[in-house]
Every structure is written in C-alpha cells, then in structure tokens.
Amino acid sequence: MKYVIIIARGSEAYWGSFPDVPGCVVGGDDLNEVAANAPVVLAAHLEGGSVPPARSLAEVLADREVADLLEGDEIFATVAYHAESVAVA
C-alpha cells in the first residue's frame, strides 16, 4: 500500500504530512532527510492501530479539504507501507 505524502518547505526545514493518515507528520533539514524519515514515521504511527485505506494522488488532489490547504509549491510523493517493512517510492 502506498500513501501520498505532501512535502512543503518551512522557514528552516522541510515537513511532510500524509492526508490519509491524520496526525502523521515528518520533518527534516532537507528533502533527503524527509524521504529517509517518512517510512519510519509512517510505520511507527500505524503500528498496532487500524490502517486507513490509501488513496491515489489524483484522489487526494480531488479532495476539497486537501486542495484548500495547498499553496502551490508542495512536492508530492508516495511512501510504501507494509506491516513488516517500509520503503519510499
């Protein structure tokens, strides 16, 4: 299963959030750090709980609540989640 992550640049660092996993936020000094941290943070957030369904990027962007929060300079990626292992895609 792959979850969409929306990555934005803050004033001093980058941060990413998963629209389909409320409350799951990852940060890093640069994009590489966010990419490295994202699978670990996602797995930790989902560990032991219910796993919400993952939507495609098109479905996420069609979500009015998500679209209203976008500023136009975000980066979109997917992060694979498997109960036993994780990887950035």
N, C-alpha and C. Protein backbone atom coordinates (compact mmCIF):
# COMPACT_ATOMS: atom_id res chain seq x y z
N MET A 1 0.85 -1.16 0.00
CA MET A 1 0.00 0.00 0.00
C MET A 1 0.90 1.23 0.00
N LYS A 2 0.55 2.22 -0.83
CA LYS A 2 1.34 3.45 -0.90
C LYS A 2 0.50 4.64 -0.47
N TYR A 3 1.04 5.41 0.46
CA TYR A 3 0.38 6.61 0.95
C TYR A 3 1.00 7.84 0.32
N VAL A 4 0.16 8.78 -0.07
CA VAL A 4 0.64 10.06 -0.59
C VAL A 4 1.17 10.88 0.58
N ILE A 5 2.33 11.49 0.36
CA ILE A 5 2.88 12.44 1.32
C ILE A 5 2.99 13.78 0.60
N ILE A 6 2.59 14.82 1.29
CA ILE A 6 2.70 16.18 0.76
C ILE A 6 3.83 16.86 1.53
N ILE A 7 4.85 17.28 0.80
CA ILE A 7 6.05 17.85 1.42
C ILE A 7 6.10 19.34 1.10
N ALA A 8 6.37 20.14 2.11
CA ALA A 8 6.47 21.59 1.95
C ALA A 8 7.73 22.09 2.65
N ARG A 9 8.19 23.21 2.20
CA ARG A 9 9.37 23.82 2.83
C ARG A 9 8.90 24.87 3.82
N GLY A 10 9.38 24.74 5.05
CA GLY A 10 9.11 25.74 6.06
C GLY A 10 10.21 26.78 6.03
N SER A 11 10.25 27.65 7.00
CA SER A 11 11.26 28.71 7.02
C SER A 11 12.67 28.16 7.22
N GLU A 12 12.80 27.03 7.93
CA GLU A 12 14.13 26.49 8.21
C GLU A 12 14.27 25.01 7.91
N ALA A 13 13.20 24.35 7.55
CA ALA A 13 13.26 22.90 7.32
C ALA A 13 12.11 22.48 6.41
N TYR A 14 12.09 21.20 6.09
CA TYR A 14 11.01 20.62 5.30
C TYR A 14 10.13 19.79 6.22
N TRP A 15 8.87 19.69 5.87
CA TRP A 15 7.96 18.83 6.62
C TRP A 15 7.01 18.16 5.64
N GLY A 16 6.52 17.03 6.02
CA GLY A 16 5.58 16.31 5.18
C GLY A 16 4.44 15.77 6.01
N SER A 17 3.29 15.67 5.37
CA SER A 17 2.12 15.10 6.05
C SER A 17 1.42 14.14 5.10
N PHE A 18 0.73 13.20 5.70
CA PHE A 18 0.01 12.16 4.97
C PHE A 18 -1.49 12.44 5.08
N PRO A 19 -2.13 12.90 4.01
CA PRO A 19 -3.56 13.22 4.10
C PRO A 19 -4.44 12.05 4.55
N ASP A 20 -4.03 10.83 4.23
CA ASP A 20 -4.84 9.67 4.60
C ASP A 20 -4.51 9.12 5.99
N VAL A 21 -3.51 9.72 6.65
CA VAL A 21 -3.11 9.28 7.99
C VAL A 21 -3.06 10.52 8.88
N PRO A 22 -4.21 10.98 9.34
CA PRO A 22 -4.26 12.20 10.14
C PRO A 22 -3.31 12.15 11.34
N GLY A 23 -2.59 13.24 11.53
CA GLY A 23 -1.67 13.34 12.66
C GLY A 23 -0.28 12.81 12.38
N CYS A 24 -0.07 12.19 11.25
CA CYS A 24 1.24 11.64 10.91
C CYS A 24 2.02 12.70 10.14
N VAL A 25 3.02 13.28 10.79
CA VAL A 25 3.82 14.36 10.23
C VAL A 25 5.28 14.01 10.39
N VAL A 26 6.08 14.33 9.37
CA VAL A 26 7.51 14.04 9.39
C VAL A 26 8.27 15.32 9.01
N GLY A 27 9.45 15.48 9.58
CA GLY A 27 10.25 16.66 9.27
C GLY A 27 11.68 16.29 8.95
N GLY A 28 12.41 17.27 8.44
CA GLY A 28 13.82 17.06 8.15
C GLY A 28 14.46 18.35 7.69
N ASP A 29 15.78 18.39 7.76
CA ASP A 29 16.51 19.58 7.34
C ASP A 29 16.48 19.76 5.82
N ASP A 30 16.33 18.66 5.08
CA ASP A 30 16.28 18.71 3.63
C ASP A 30 15.36 17.61 3.11
N LEU A 31 15.17 17.58 1.80
CA LEU A 31 14.26 16.58 1.21
C LEU A 31 14.74 15.16 1.44
N ASN A 32 16.05 14.95 1.38
CA ASN A 32 16.59 13.61 1.61
C ASN A 32 16.27 13.11 3.01
N GLU A 33 16.34 14.00 3.98
CA GLU A 33 16.04 13.60 5.36
C GLU A 33 14.56 13.28 5.52
N VAL A 34 13.70 14.07 4.89
CA VAL A 34 12.26 13.78 4.94
C VAL A 34 11.99 12.42 4.29
N ALA A 35 12.62 12.17 3.13
CA ALA A 35 12.43 10.89 2.43
C ALA A 35 12.91 9.72 3.28
N ALA A 36 14.00 9.90 3.99
CA ALA A 36 14.53 8.82 4.84
C ALA A 36 13.65 8.61 6.07
N ASN A 37 13.13 9.68 6.63
CA ASN A 37 12.33 9.59 7.86
C ASN A 37 10.89 9.15 7.61
N ALA A 38 10.35 9.46 6.44
CA ALA A 38 8.93 9.23 6.18
C ALA A 38 8.48 7.79 6.39
N PRO A 39 9.17 6.79 5.85
CA PRO A 39 8.69 5.41 6.06
C PRO A 39 8.73 4.98 7.52
N VAL A 40 9.73 5.45 8.24
CA VAL A 40 9.87 5.09 9.65
C VAL A 40 8.75 5.72 10.47
N VAL A 41 8.49 7.00 10.22
CA VAL A 41 7.44 7.71 10.95
C VAL A 41 6.07 7.13 10.62
N LEU A 42 5.83 6.84 9.34
CA LEU A 42 4.56 6.25 8.93
C LEU A 42 4.33 4.90 9.61
N ALA A 43 5.34 4.05 9.59
CA ALA A 43 5.22 2.73 10.22
C ALA A 43 4.97 2.84 11.72
N ALA A 44 5.68 3.75 12.37
CA ALA A 44 5.50 3.93 13.82
C ALA A 44 4.10 4.45 14.12
N HIS A 45 3.61 5.34 13.28
CA HIS A 45 2.28 5.91 13.50
C HIS A 45 1.18 4.85 13.35
N LEU A 46 1.37 3.95 12.39
CA LEU A 46 0.35 2.93 12.11
C LEU A 46 0.49 1.67 12.96
N GLU A 47 1.62 1.53 13.63
CA GLU A 47 1.90 0.31 14.41
C GLU A 47 0.83 0.08 15.47
N GLY A 48 0.26 -1.11 15.42
CA GLY A 48 -0.69 -1.52 16.45
C GLY A 48 -2.08 -0.92 16.31
N GLY A 49 -2.30 -0.10 15.30
CA GLY A 49 -3.61 0.51 15.14
C GLY A 49 -4.27 0.07 13.85
N SER A 50 -5.39 0.66 13.56
CA SER A 50 -6.05 0.35 12.30
C SER A 50 -5.32 1.08 11.17
N VAL A 51 -5.26 0.45 10.02
CA VAL A 51 -4.56 1.02 8.87
C VAL A 51 -5.61 1.58 7.92
N PRO A 52 -5.62 2.92 7.76
CA PRO A 52 -6.63 3.51 6.87
C PRO A 52 -6.33 3.20 5.41
N PRO A 53 -7.35 3.21 4.57
CA PRO A 53 -7.12 2.97 3.14
C PRO A 53 -6.29 4.11 2.55
N ALA A 54 -5.46 3.78 1.58
CA ALA A 54 -4.63 4.78 0.90
C ALA A 54 -5.28 5.16 -0.42
N ARG A 55 -5.33 6.47 -0.68
CA ARG A 55 -5.88 6.96 -1.94
C ARG A 55 -4.75 7.26 -2.92
N SER A 56 -5.09 7.32 -4.19
CA SER A 56 -4.12 7.72 -5.21
C SER A 56 -3.88 9.22 -5.11
N LEU A 57 -2.83 9.70 -5.78
CA LEU A 57 -2.55 11.13 -5.79
C LEU A 57 -3.73 11.89 -6.39
N ALA A 58 -4.31 11.37 -7.46
CA ALA A 58 -5.46 12.03 -8.09
C ALA A 58 -6.62 12.14 -7.11
N GLU A 59 -6.87 11.10 -6.34
CA GLU A 59 -7.95 11.13 -5.35
C GLU A 59 -7.66 12.14 -4.24
N VAL A 60 -6.41 12.18 -3.80
CA VAL A 60 -6.04 13.14 -2.75
C VAL A 60 -6.21 14.57 -3.25
N LEU A 61 -5.74 14.84 -4.47
CA LEU A 61 -5.85 16.20 -5.02
C LEU A 61 -7.29 16.60 -5.31
N ALA A 62 -8.16 15.62 -5.54
CA ALA A 62 -9.58 15.91 -5.78
C ALA A 62 -10.33 16.19 -4.48
N ASP A 63 -9.71 15.90 -3.36
CA ASP A 63 -10.31 16.13 -2.04
C ASP A 63 -10.28 17.64 -1.76
N ARG A 64 -11.44 18.24 -1.65
CA ARG A 64 -11.54 19.69 -1.46
C ARG A 64 -10.82 20.16 -0.20
N GLU A 65 -10.90 19.39 0.88
CA GLU A 65 -10.23 19.77 2.12
C GLU A 65 -8.72 19.84 1.94
N VAL A 66 -8.16 18.91 1.18
CA VAL A 66 -6.72 18.91 0.91
C VAL A 66 -6.38 20.06 -0.03
N ALA A 67 -7.13 20.19 -1.12
CA ALA A 67 -6.86 21.23 -2.12
C ALA A 67 -6.88 22.62 -1.50
N ASP A 68 -7.77 22.86 -0.56
CA ASP A 68 -7.86 24.17 0.07
C ASP A 68 -6.63 24.52 0.90
N LEU A 69 -5.87 23.53 1.32
CA LEU A 69 -4.68 23.76 2.15
C LEU A 69 -3.41 23.96 1.32
N LEU A 70 -3.45 23.61 0.05
CA LEU A 70 -2.25 23.67 -0.78
C LEU A 70 -1.93 25.10 -1.18
N GLU A 71 -0.63 25.41 -1.19
CA GLU A 71 -0.18 26.75 -1.56
C GLU A 71 0.42 26.78 -2.96
N GLY A 72 0.67 25.62 -3.57
CA GLY A 72 1.17 25.59 -4.93
C GLY A 72 2.62 25.20 -5.09
N ASP A 73 3.38 25.17 -4.01
CA ASP A 73 4.81 24.83 -4.13
C ASP A 73 5.16 23.52 -3.42
N GLU A 74 4.16 22.73 -3.11
CA GLU A 74 4.38 21.46 -2.43
C GLU A 74 4.94 20.41 -3.39
N ILE A 75 5.57 19.41 -2.81
CA ILE A 75 6.09 18.26 -3.54
C ILE A 75 5.24 17.06 -3.11
N PHE A 76 4.85 16.24 -4.08
CA PHE A 76 4.04 15.07 -3.80
C PHE A 76 4.86 13.82 -4.08
N ALA A 77 4.75 12.85 -3.21
CA ALA A 77 5.43 11.57 -3.38
C ALA A 77 4.56 10.50 -2.75
N THR A 78 4.98 9.25 -2.88
CA THR A 78 4.29 8.17 -2.19
C THR A 78 5.28 7.44 -1.31
N VAL A 79 4.77 6.93 -0.22
CA VAL A 79 5.57 6.15 0.72
C VAL A 79 4.88 4.80 0.88
N ALA A 80 5.61 3.74 0.59
CA ALA A 80 5.04 2.40 0.70
C ALA A 80 4.97 1.99 2.16
N TYR A 81 3.87 1.34 2.51
CA TYR A 81 3.71 0.81 3.87
C TYR A 81 3.38 -0.67 3.78
N HIS A 82 4.15 -1.46 4.47
CA HIS A 82 3.89 -2.89 4.63
C HIS A 82 4.02 -3.15 6.13
N ALA A 83 3.18 -3.97 6.65
CA ALA A 83 3.21 -4.24 8.09
C ALA A 83 4.58 -4.71 8.56
N GLU A 84 5.35 -5.36 7.69
CA GLU A 84 6.65 -5.89 8.09
C GLU A 84 7.82 -5.03 7.66
N SER A 85 7.67 -4.21 6.61
CA SER A 85 8.77 -3.36 6.15
C SER A 85 8.21 -2.16 5.43
N VAL A 86 9.03 -1.11 5.29
CA VAL A 86 8.59 0.11 4.62
C VAL A 86 9.67 0.58 3.66
N ALA A 87 9.26 1.34 2.64
CA ALA A 87 10.21 1.90 1.68
C ALA A 87 9.60 3.12 1.02
N VAL A 88 10.43 4.07 0.63
CA VAL A 88 9.98 5.25 -0.11
C VAL A 88 9.92 4.90 -1.58
N ALA A 89 8.85 5.30 -2.24
CA ALA A 89 8.71 5.04 -3.68
C ALA A 89 8.74 6.33 -4.45
